[in-house]
């Protein structure tokens, strides 16, 4: 199953830390804030904090348990 932007439904990379495409992200938050959001989300994934409290059954989430 492919991942899609929550705003425009364009396909986005499965490994993306955000659920929206760059175009929509910039339109909603502006270039600077969008960059900060992506940077912080990527850091959270690297630190292992991104899936904390998640109840999804993704393989990545199960691997952390």
PDB file of N, CA and C in Angstrom:
ATOM      1  N   UNK A   1       0.854  -1.183   0.000  1.00  0.00           N
ATOM      2  CA  UNK A   1       0.000   0.000   0.000  1.00  0.00           C
ATOM      3  C   UNK A   1       0.898   1.243   0.000  1.00  0.00           C
ATOM      4  N   UNK A   2       0.637   2.151  -0.895  1.00  0.00           N
ATOM      5  CA  UNK A   2       1.470   3.347  -0.997  1.00  0.00           C
ATOM      6  C   UNK A   2       0.974   4.438  -0.045  1.00  0.00           C
ATOM      7  N   UNK A   3       1.896   5.299   0.326  1.00  0.00           N
ATOM      8  CA  UNK A   3       1.593   6.408   1.223  1.00  0.00           C
ATOM      9  C   UNK A   3       1.224   7.615   0.377  1.00  0.00           C
ATOM     10  N   UNK A   4       0.192   8.357   0.782  1.00  0.00           N
ATOM     11  CA  UNK A   4      -0.267   9.515   0.014  1.00  0.00           C
ATOM     12  C   UNK A   4      -0.377  10.743   0.894  1.00  0.00           C
ATOM     13  N   UNK A   5      -0.192  11.888   0.270  1.00  0.00           N
ATOM     14  CA  UNK A   5      -0.324  13.177   0.943  1.00  0.00           C
ATOM     15  C   UNK A   5      -1.747  13.318   1.490  1.00  0.00           C
ATOM     16  N   UNK A   6      -1.867  13.761   2.742  1.00  0.00           N
ATOM     17  CA  UNK A   6      -3.192  13.905   3.343  1.00  0.00           C
ATOM     18  C   UNK A   6      -3.981  15.062   2.746  1.00  0.00           C
ATOM     19  N   UNK A   7      -3.308  15.963   2.031  1.00  0.00           N
ATOM     20  CA  UNK A   7      -3.977  17.114   1.440  1.00  0.00           C
ATOM     21  C   UNK A   7      -4.350  16.895  -0.028  1.00  0.00           C
ATOM     22  N   UNK A   8      -3.364  16.503  -0.860  1.00  0.00           N
ATOM     23  CA  UNK A   8      -3.619  16.430  -2.303  1.00  0.00           C
ATOM     24  C   UNK A   8      -3.654  15.005  -2.849  1.00  0.00           C
ATOM     25  N   UNK A   9      -3.362  14.017  -2.011  1.00  0.00           N
ATOM     26  CA  UNK A   9      -3.383  12.591  -2.364  1.00  0.00           C
ATOM     27  C   UNK A   9      -2.263  12.177  -3.319  1.00  0.00           C
ATOM     28  N   UNK A  10      -1.262  13.027  -3.535  1.00  0.00           N
ATOM     29  CA  UNK A  10      -0.103  12.669  -4.356  1.00  0.00           C
ATOM     30  C   UNK A  10       0.706  11.625  -3.593  1.00  0.00           C
ATOM     31  N   UNK A  11       1.290  10.656  -4.317  1.00  0.00           N
ATOM     32  CA  UNK A  11       2.105   9.641  -3.655  1.00  0.00           C
ATOM     33  C   UNK A  11       3.358  10.265  -3.072  1.00  0.00           C
ATOM     34  N   UNK A  12       3.721   9.803  -1.882  1.00  0.00           N
ATOM     35  CA  UNK A  12       4.952  10.247  -1.222  1.00  0.00           C
ATOM     36  C   UNK A  12       5.741   9.002  -0.828  1.00  0.00           C
ATOM     37  N   UNK A  13       7.019   9.185  -0.560  1.00  0.00           N
ATOM     38  CA  UNK A  13       7.887   8.062  -0.207  1.00  0.00           C
ATOM     39  C   UNK A  13       7.377   7.360   1.052  1.00  0.00           C
ATOM     40  N   UNK A  14       7.387   6.044   1.036  1.00  0.00           N
ATOM     41  CA  UNK A  14       6.916   5.252   2.166  1.00  0.00           C
ATOM     42  C   UNK A  14       7.712   5.561   3.430  1.00  0.00           C
ATOM     43  N   UNK A  15       8.990   5.863   3.287  1.00  0.00           N
ATOM     44  CA  UNK A  15       9.837   6.142   4.448  1.00  0.00           C
ATOM     45  C   UNK A  15       9.762   7.586   4.936  1.00  0.00           C
ATOM     46  N   UNK A  16       8.900   8.398   4.335  1.00  0.00           N
ATOM     47  CA  UNK A  16       8.740   9.799   4.730  1.00  0.00           C
ATOM     48  C   UNK A  16       8.249   9.888   6.178  1.00  0.00           C
ATOM     49  N   UNK A  17       8.815  10.841   6.928  1.00  0.00           N
ATOM     50  CA  UNK A  17       8.423  11.020   8.335  1.00  0.00           C
ATOM     51  C   UNK A  17       7.167  11.874   8.477  1.00  0.00           C
ATOM     52  N   UNK A  18       6.730  12.452   7.384  1.00  0.00           N
ATOM     53  CA  UNK A  18       5.535  13.291   7.392  1.00  0.00           C
ATOM     54  C   UNK A  18       4.496  12.698   6.455  1.00  0.00           C
ATOM     55  N   UNK A  19       3.254  13.047   6.627  1.00  0.00           N
ATOM     56  CA  UNK A  19       2.159  12.484   5.834  1.00  0.00           C
ATOM     57  C   UNK A  19       1.645  13.444   4.776  1.00  0.00           C
ATOM     58  N   UNK A  20       2.506  14.338   4.317  1.00  0.00           N
ATOM     59  CA  UNK A  20       2.120  15.281   3.276  1.00  0.00           C
ATOM     60  C   UNK A  20       3.313  15.549   2.376  1.00  0.00           C
ATOM     61  N   UNK A  21       3.043  15.977   1.155  1.00  0.00           N
ATOM     62  CA  UNK A  21       4.115  16.238   0.199  1.00  0.00           C
ATOM     63  C   UNK A  21       4.761  17.601   0.485  1.00  0.00           C
ATOM     64  N   UNK A  22       5.928  17.821  -0.091  1.00  0.00           N
ATOM     65  CA  UNK A  22       6.645  19.075   0.142  1.00  0.00           C
ATOM     66  C   UNK A  22       5.826  20.273  -0.335  1.00  0.00           C
ATOM     67  N   UNK A  23       5.191  20.142  -1.490  1.00  0.00           N
ATOM     68  CA  UNK A  23       4.408  21.239  -2.040  1.00  0.00           C
ATOM     69  C   UNK A  23       3.310  21.683  -1.071  1.00  0.00           C
ATOM     70  N   UNK A  24       2.561  20.732  -0.550  1.00  0.00           N
ATOM     71  CA  UNK A  24       1.484  21.069   0.388  1.00  0.00           C
ATOM     72  C   UNK A  24       2.049  21.569   1.715  1.00  0.00           C
ATOM     73  N   UNK A  25       3.128  20.960   2.182  1.00  0.00           N
ATOM     74  CA  UNK A  25       3.747  21.389   3.430  1.00  0.00           C
ATOM     75  C   UNK A  25       4.189  22.837   3.381  1.00  0.00           C
ATOM     76  N   UNK A  26       4.803  23.230   2.268  1.00  0.00           N
ATOM     77  CA  UNK A  26       5.263  24.611   2.108  1.00  0.00           C
ATOM     78  C   UNK A  26       4.068  25.559   2.004  1.00  0.00           C
ATOM     79  N   UNK A  27       3.016  25.133   1.322  1.00  0.00           N
ATOM     80  CA  UNK A  27       1.826  25.986   1.198  1.00  0.00           C
ATOM     81  C   UNK A  27       1.138  26.191   2.550  1.00  0.00           C
ATOM     82  N   UNK A  28       1.137  25.169   3.385  1.00  0.00           N
ATOM     83  CA  UNK A  28       0.456  25.250   4.679  1.00  0.00           C
ATOM     84  C   UNK A  28       1.292  26.009   5.709  1.00  0.00           C
ATOM     85  N   UNK A  29       2.585  25.676   5.821  1.00  0.00           N
ATOM     86  CA  UNK A  29       3.412  26.237   6.896  1.00  0.00           C
ATOM     87  C   UNK A  29       4.488  27.216   6.432  1.00  0.00           C
ATOM     88  N   UNK A  30       4.760  27.297   5.155  1.00  0.00           N
ATOM     89  CA  UNK A  30       5.844  28.139   4.666  1.00  0.00           C
ATOM     90  C   UNK A  30       7.146  27.347   4.653  1.00  0.00           C
ATOM     91  N   UNK A  31       8.100  27.811   3.846  1.00  0.00           N
ATOM     92  CA  UNK A  31       9.360  27.086   3.621  1.00  0.00           C
ATOM     93  C   UNK A  31      10.146  26.858   4.921  1.00  0.00           C
ATOM     94  N   UNK A  32      10.303  27.893   5.726  1.00  0.00           N
ATOM     95  CA  UNK A  32      11.124  27.794   6.932  1.00  0.00           C
ATOM     96  C   UNK A  32      10.513  26.836   7.961  1.00  0.00           C
ATOM     97  N   UNK A  33       9.235  26.974   8.240  1.00  0.00           N
ATOM     98  CA  UNK A  33       8.570  26.116   9.218  1.00  0.00           C
ATOM     99  C   UNK A  33       8.495  24.676   8.712  1.00  0.00           C
ATOM    100  N   UNK A  34       8.225  24.496   7.422  1.00  0.00           N
ATOM    101  CA  UNK A  34       8.190  23.153   6.847  1.00  0.00           C
ATOM    102  C   UNK A  34       9.542  22.471   7.041  1.00  0.00           C
ATOM    103  N   UNK A  35      10.620  23.196   6.763  1.00  0.00           N
ATOM    104  CA  UNK A  35      11.963  22.644   6.944  1.00  0.00           C
ATOM    105  C   UNK A  35      12.220  22.242   8.379  1.00  0.00           C
ATOM    106  N   UNK A  36      11.762  23.063   9.325  1.00  0.00           N
ATOM    107  CA  UNK A  36      11.934  22.755  10.748  1.00  0.00           C
ATOM    108  C   UNK A  36      11.130  21.518  11.143  1.00  0.00           C
ATOM    109  N   UNK A  37       9.926  21.388  10.623  1.00  0.00           N
ATOM    110  CA  UNK A  37       9.086  20.225  10.928  1.00  0.00           C
ATOM    111  C   UNK A  37       9.761  18.948  10.442  1.00  0.00           C
ATOM    112  N   UNK A  38      10.213  18.941   9.196  1.00  0.00           N
ATOM    113  CA  UNK A  38      10.867  17.757   8.636  1.00  0.00           C
ATOM    114  C   UNK A  38      12.137  17.427   9.422  1.00  0.00           C
ATOM    115  N   UNK A  39      12.937  18.430   9.709  1.00  0.00           N
ATOM    116  CA  UNK A  39      14.185  18.219  10.454  1.00  0.00           C
ATOM    117  C   UNK A  39      13.902  17.595  11.824  1.00  0.00           C
ATOM    118  N   UNK A  40      12.929  18.132  12.543  1.00  0.00           N
ATOM    119  CA  UNK A  40      12.600  17.616  13.874  1.00  0.00           C
ATOM    120  C   UNK A  40      11.994  16.216  13.822  1.00  0.00           C
ATOM    121  N   UNK A  41      11.179  15.948  12.826  1.00  0.00           N
ATOM    122  CA  UNK A  41      10.592  14.614  12.681  1.00  0.00           C
ATOM    123  C   UNK A  41      11.663  13.585  12.329  1.00  0.00           C
ATOM    124  N   UNK A  42      12.605  13.948  11.468  1.00  0.00           N
ATOM    125  CA  UNK A  42      13.694  13.034  11.127  1.00  0.00           C
ATOM    126  C   UNK A  42      14.582  12.764  12.335  1.00  0.00           C
ATOM    127  N   UNK A  43      14.817  13.781  13.151  1.00  0.00           N
ATOM    128  CA  UNK A  43      15.605  13.598  14.373  1.00  0.00           C
ATOM    129  C   UNK A  43      14.868  12.677  15.339  1.00  0.00           C
ATOM    130  N   UNK A  44      13.562  12.841  15.454  1.00  0.00           N
ATOM    131  CA  UNK A  44      12.764  11.983  16.333  1.00  0.00           C
ATOM    132  C   UNK A  44      12.837  10.527  15.868  1.00  0.00           C
ATOM    133  N   UNK A  45      12.801  10.316  14.557  1.00  0.00           N
ATOM    134  CA  UNK A  45      12.909   8.946  14.036  1.00  0.00           C
ATOM    135  C   UNK A  45      14.281   8.368  14.364  1.00  0.00           C
ATOM    136  N   UNK A  46      15.331   9.153  14.164  1.00  0.00           N
ATOM    137  CA  UNK A  46      16.688   8.713  14.457  1.00  0.00           C
ATOM    138  C   UNK A  46      16.864   8.384  15.939  1.00  0.00           C
ATOM    139  N   UNK A  47      16.269   9.205  16.798  1.00  0.00           N
ATOM    140  CA  UNK A  47      16.364   9.009  18.249  1.00  0.00           C
ATOM    141  C   UNK A  47      15.455   7.895  18.762  1.00  0.00           C
ATOM    142  N   UNK A  48      14.566   7.385  17.908  1.00  0.00           N
ATOM    143  CA  UNK A  48      13.650   6.327  18.304  1.00  0.00           C
ATOM    144  C   UNK A  48      12.388   6.825  18.972  1.00  0.00           C
ATOM    145  N   UNK A  49      12.114   8.120  18.864  1.00  0.00           N
ATOM    146  CA  UNK A  49      10.946   8.703  19.519  1.00  0.00           C
ATOM    147  C   UNK A  49       9.721   8.826  18.611  1.00  0.00           C
ATOM    148  N   UNK A  50       9.883   8.569  17.338  1.00  0.00           N
ATOM    149  CA  UNK A  50       8.799   8.826  16.386  1.00  0.00           C
ATOM    150  C   UNK A  50       7.601   7.909  16.597  1.00  0.00           C
ATOM    151  N   UNK A  51       7.808   6.649  16.937  1.00  0.00           N
ATOM    152  CA  UNK A  51       6.707   5.699  17.058  1.00  0.00           C
ATOM    153  C   UNK A  51       6.278   5.484  18.501  1.00  0.00           C
ATOM    154  N   UNK A  52       6.764   6.296  19.403  1.00  0.00           N
ATOM    155  CA  UNK A  52       6.416   6.181  20.816  1.00  0.00           C
ATOM    156  C   UNK A  52       4.913   6.390  20.997  1.00  0.00           C
ATOM    157  N   UNK A  53       4.247   5.419  21.573  1.00  0.00           N
ATOM    158  CA  UNK A  53       2.808   5.516  21.802  1.00  0.00           C
ATOM    159  C   UNK A  53       1.966   5.109  20.616  1.00  0.00           C
ATOM    160  N   UNK A  54       2.593   4.689  19.528  1.00  0.00           N
ATOM    161  CA  UNK A  54       1.859   4.284  18.337  1.00  0.00           C
ATOM    162  C   UNK A  54       1.181   2.941  18.566  1.00  0.00           C
ATOM    163  N   UNK A  55      -0.021   2.794  18.063  1.00  0.00           N
ATOM    164  CA  UNK A  55      -0.739   1.534  18.180  1.00  0.00           C
ATOM    165  C   UNK A  55      -0.856   0.834  16.836  1.00  0.00           C
ATOM    166  N   UNK A  56      -0.135   1.342  15.829  1.00  0.00           N
ATOM    167  CA  UNK A  56      -0.191   0.723  14.514  1.00  0.00           C
ATOM    168  C   UNK A  56       0.537  -0.605  14.541  1.00  0.00           C
ATOM    169  N   UNK A  57       0.300  -1.407  13.528  1.00  0.00           N
ATOM    170  CA  UNK A  57       0.929  -2.727  13.471  1.00  0.00           C
ATOM    171  C   UNK A  57       2.023  -2.770  12.417  1.00  0.00           C
ATOM    172  N   UNK A  58       2.678  -1.653  12.167  1.00  0.00           N
ATOM    173  CA  UNK A  58       3.734  -1.628  11.166  1.00  0.00           C
ATOM    174  C   UNK A  58       4.906  -2.497  11.598  1.00  0.00           C
ATOM    175  N   UNK A  59       5.633  -3.047  10.648  1.00  0.00           N
ATOM    176  CA  UNK A  59       6.778  -3.906  10.928  1.00  0.00           C
ATOM    177  C   UNK A  59       7.838  -3.144  11.713  1.00  0.00           C
ATOM    178  N   UNK A  60       8.036  -1.880  11.380  1.00  0.00           N
ATOM    179  CA  UNK A  60       9.043  -1.081  12.077  1.00  0.00           C
ATOM    180  C   UNK A  60       8.645  -0.896  13.540  1.00  0.00           C
ATOM    181  N   UNK A  61       7.378  -0.673  13.796  1.00  0.00           N
ATOM    182  CA  UNK A  61       6.897  -0.485  15.161  1.00  0.00           C
ATOM    183  C   UNK A  61       7.047  -1.784  15.957  1.00  0.00           C
ATOM    184  N   UNK A  62       6.720  -2.921  15.360  1.00  0.00           N
ATOM    185  CA  UNK A  62       6.845  -4.207  16.039  1.00  0.00           C
ATOM    186  C   UNK A  62       8.288  -4.532  16.345  1.00  0.00           C
ATOM    187  N   UNK A  63       9.203  -4.108  15.480  1.00  0.00           N
ATOM    188  CA  UNK A  63      10.619  -4.403  15.671  1.00  0.00           C
ATOM    189  C   UNK A  63      11.167  -3.698  16.900  1.00  0.00           C
ATOM    190  N   UNK A  64      10.566  -2.604  17.298  1.00  0.00           N
ATOM    191  CA  UNK A  64      11.046  -1.849  18.443  1.00  0.00           C
ATOM    192  C   UNK A  64      10.560  -2.411  19.767  1.00  0.00           C
ATOM    193  N   UNK A  65       9.572  -3.263  19.722  1.00  0.00           N
ATOM    194  CA  UNK A  65       8.969  -3.796  20.963  1.00  0.00           C
ATOM    195  C   UNK A  65       9.820  -4.895  21.543  1.00  0.00           C
TER     196      UNK A  65
END
